[in-house]
Protein backbone atom coordinates (compact mmCIF):
# COMPACT_ATOMS: atom_id res chain seq x y z
CA MET A 1 0.14 -0.16 0.07
CA LEU A 2 1.30 3.12 -1.04
CA LYS A 3 0.20 6.46 -0.35
CA GLU A 4 0.82 9.88 -2.47
CA ILE A 5 1.98 12.95 -0.14
CA LYS A 6 3.17 16.49 -1.36
CA ASN A 7 5.94 18.65 0.08
CA ILE A 8 4.81 21.30 1.14
CA LYS A 9 8.53 22.99 1.02
CA THR A 10 9.49 21.59 -1.94
CA GLY A 11 6.24 20.26 -4.02
CA LYS A 12 7.18 17.27 -4.96
CA TYR A 13 5.27 14.03 -4.57
CA ILE A 14 6.73 11.65 -2.32
CA PHE A 15 5.72 7.95 -1.80
CA LEU A 16 5.36 6.69 1.94
CA ALA A 17 4.68 2.70 2.21
CA PHE A 18 2.56 1.40 4.73
CA GLY A 19 3.68 -1.99 6.31
CA LEU A 20 7.58 -1.21 7.22
CA ALA A 21 6.96 -2.70 10.02
CA THR A 22 5.87 -5.60 8.72
CA ILE A 23 9.04 -5.13 6.30
CA ALA A 24 11.25 -4.72 8.19
CA ALA A 25 10.22 -7.58 10.40
CA VAL A 26 10.85 -9.68 7.32
CA ILE A 27 14.48 -8.85 6.85
CA ILE A 28 15.06 -9.49 10.94
CA LEU A 29 13.37 -12.81 10.76
CA SER A 30 15.92 -13.32 7.00
CA ALA A 31 19.34 -12.16 9.38
CA LEU A 32 18.40 -14.58 12.06
CA ILE A 33 18.02 -17.43 10.01
CA SER A 34 20.97 -17.59 7.78
CA CYS A 35 23.01 -17.22 11.64
CA SER A 36 21.59 -20.05 13.42
CA PRO A 37 23.21 -22.56 14.47
CA GLY A 38 22.39 -25.33 11.88
CA GLN A 39 23.69 -23.87 9.68
CA ALA A 40 26.71 -25.44 8.47
CA ASN A 41 30.25 -23.80 8.97
CA VAL A 42 32.88 -23.89 6.20
CA PHE A 43 36.24 -23.43 6.59
CA SER A 44 38.89 -22.86 3.80
CA ALA A 45 42.97 -22.80 3.64
CA GLU A 46 42.80 -19.37 5.46
CA ASP A 47 41.60 -21.20 8.20
CA SER A 48 44.03 -24.14 8.55
CA GLY A 49 45.64 -23.98 12.68
CA THR A 50 42.34 -22.62 14.09
CA THR A 51 40.08 -23.89 17.17
CA VAL A 52 36.58 -24.25 16.01
CA ALA A 53 33.79 -24.83 18.97
CA LEU A 54 30.52 -26.61 17.86
CA ASN A 55 27.87 -28.38 19.18
CA ALA A 56 26.53 -32.29 19.09
CA ASN A 57 24.80 -33.03 15.94
CA GLU A 58 26.47 -29.38 14.36
CA SER A 59 27.62 -29.99 10.58
CA PHE A 60 30.28 -28.67 8.84
CA SER A 61 32.57 -28.53 5.85
CA VAL A 62 36.05 -28.05 4.63
CA LYS A 63 36.59 -26.93 1.19
CA LEU A 64 40.03 -26.44 -0.61
CA GLU A 65 41.75 -25.81 -3.80
CA SER A 66 42.64 -28.80 -5.51
CA ASN A 67 43.56 -30.33 -8.94
CA GLN A 68 43.31 -33.85 -9.06
CA THR A 69 44.51 -33.69 -12.87
CA THR A 70 48.08 -33.75 -11.19
CA GLY A 71 47.45 -36.36 -9.03
CA TYR A 72 47.44 -34.74 -6.17
CA SER A 73 44.49 -34.80 -3.69
CA TRP A 74 43.88 -34.03 0.09
CA LYS A 75 43.92 -37.29 2.05
CA LEU A 76 41.85 -37.22 5.73
CA SER A 77 44.07 -38.46 7.95
CA GLU A 78 43.14 -41.17 10.63
CA LYS A 79 44.34 -39.32 13.42
CA VAL A 80 40.64 -37.83 13.80
CA ASP A 81 38.40 -38.85 17.03
CA THR A 82 35.28 -41.10 14.85
CA SER A 83 34.02 -40.73 18.46
CA VAL A 84 33.60 -37.25 18.20
CA VAL A 85 33.70 -36.10 14.37
CA THR A 86 32.60 -38.22 11.61
CA LEU A 87 32.82 -37.81 7.75
CA VAL A 88 30.16 -37.66 5.86
CA SER A 89 31.50 -37.06 2.49
CA SER A 90 33.39 -35.14 0.57
CA VAL A 91 33.37 -34.16 -3.32
CA TYR A 92 35.37 -32.78 -5.48
CA GLU A 93 34.30 -30.11 -8.37
CA VAL A 94 36.04 -28.32 -10.88
CA SER A 95 36.28 -24.88 -10.48
CA LYS A 96 33.24 -22.90 -12.49
CA LYS A 97 34.86 -20.11 -14.09
CA ASP A 98 37.62 -22.96 -15.92
CA LYS A 99 34.79 -25.70 -16.31
CA GLU A 100 36.23 -25.47 -20.11
CA MET A 101 39.85 -26.05 -19.83
CA VAL A 102 41.54 -29.14 -19.90
CA GLY A 103 43.30 -29.51 -16.68
CA ALA A 104 41.71 -26.94 -14.56
CA GLY A 105 41.79 -27.19 -11.22
CA GLY A 106 39.16 -26.69 -8.55
CA PHE A 107 37.89 -27.88 -4.92
CA GLU A 108 37.83 -30.60 -2.69
CA THR A 109 34.74 -30.32 0.11
CA PHE A 110 35.02 -32.33 2.76
CA ASN A 111 31.58 -32.69 5.00
CA PHE A 112 31.57 -33.53 8.50
CA LYS A 113 28.96 -33.84 11.64
CA ALA A 114 29.47 -33.28 15.02
CA LEU A 115 28.78 -36.19 17.29
CA SER A 116 29.48 -36.12 20.71
CA PRO A 117 31.93 -33.84 23.00
CA GLY A 118 35.43 -34.07 23.36
CA LYS A 119 38.53 -32.87 21.16
CA THR A 120 40.10 -34.20 18.07
CA GLU A 121 41.53 -32.68 15.21
CA ILE A 122 41.28 -32.77 11.15
CA LEU A 123 44.16 -33.12 9.70
CA LEU A 124 44.27 -32.70 5.66
CA GLU A 125 47.49 -33.76 3.49
CA TYR A 126 47.23 -32.46 -0.27
CA VAL A 127 49.22 -36.02 -2.03
CA ARG A 128 50.00 -38.26 -4.78
CA PRO A 129 48.74 -41.63 -3.28
CA TRP A 130 51.02 -43.46 -4.99
CA GLU A 131 53.82 -41.91 -3.82
CA GLU A 132 53.96 -43.87 -0.69
CA GLY A 133 56.40 -41.73 2.37
CA ALA A 134 56.93 -38.59 0.14
CA GLU A 135 55.98 -35.14 1.87
CA PRO A 136 52.88 -33.61 1.32
CA GLU A 137 52.87 -31.01 -0.87
CA ASP A 138 50.48 -29.52 1.84
CA THR A 139 48.03 -29.75 4.31
CA PHE A 140 45.72 -28.36 6.29
CA ILE A 141 44.64 -28.51 10.30
CA LEU A 142 41.57 -27.88 12.17
CA PHE A 143 41.00 -28.40 16.07
CA VAL A 144 37.53 -29.40 16.47
CA GLU A 145 35.79 -29.16 20.08
CA VAL A 146 32.83 -30.29 20.70
CA ARG A 147 30.02 -29.45 23.84
């Protein structure tokens, strides 16, 4: 609902919207929903070495740059305490901007779920699986505390 009002000083017409409180309520509600604790957290290379506190049953992801055409991929360490955190899935996606390029890189995303209170670490190593004993090209570590 719009109401046309003439500004006495300028002589121009302005429009007032009724229901601004309703619009504001929708905006605030949308912001609250997007920040809800059930929202999945996504961590990247910049988060390596940090500690994250999560609630039990909360989901989170680690998304790292990768290029599987080079033979390298991210491997999850066996040090993860699976009573605290479990790997739900992992997926490799070619970068959308380079999708048509042969040999283009992309991202590997590891999806986890916090299970029960405790502490563990997520250690990912960027390796060529057939090169046993070789030092990883890169590493990512995230310290996880589940409440």
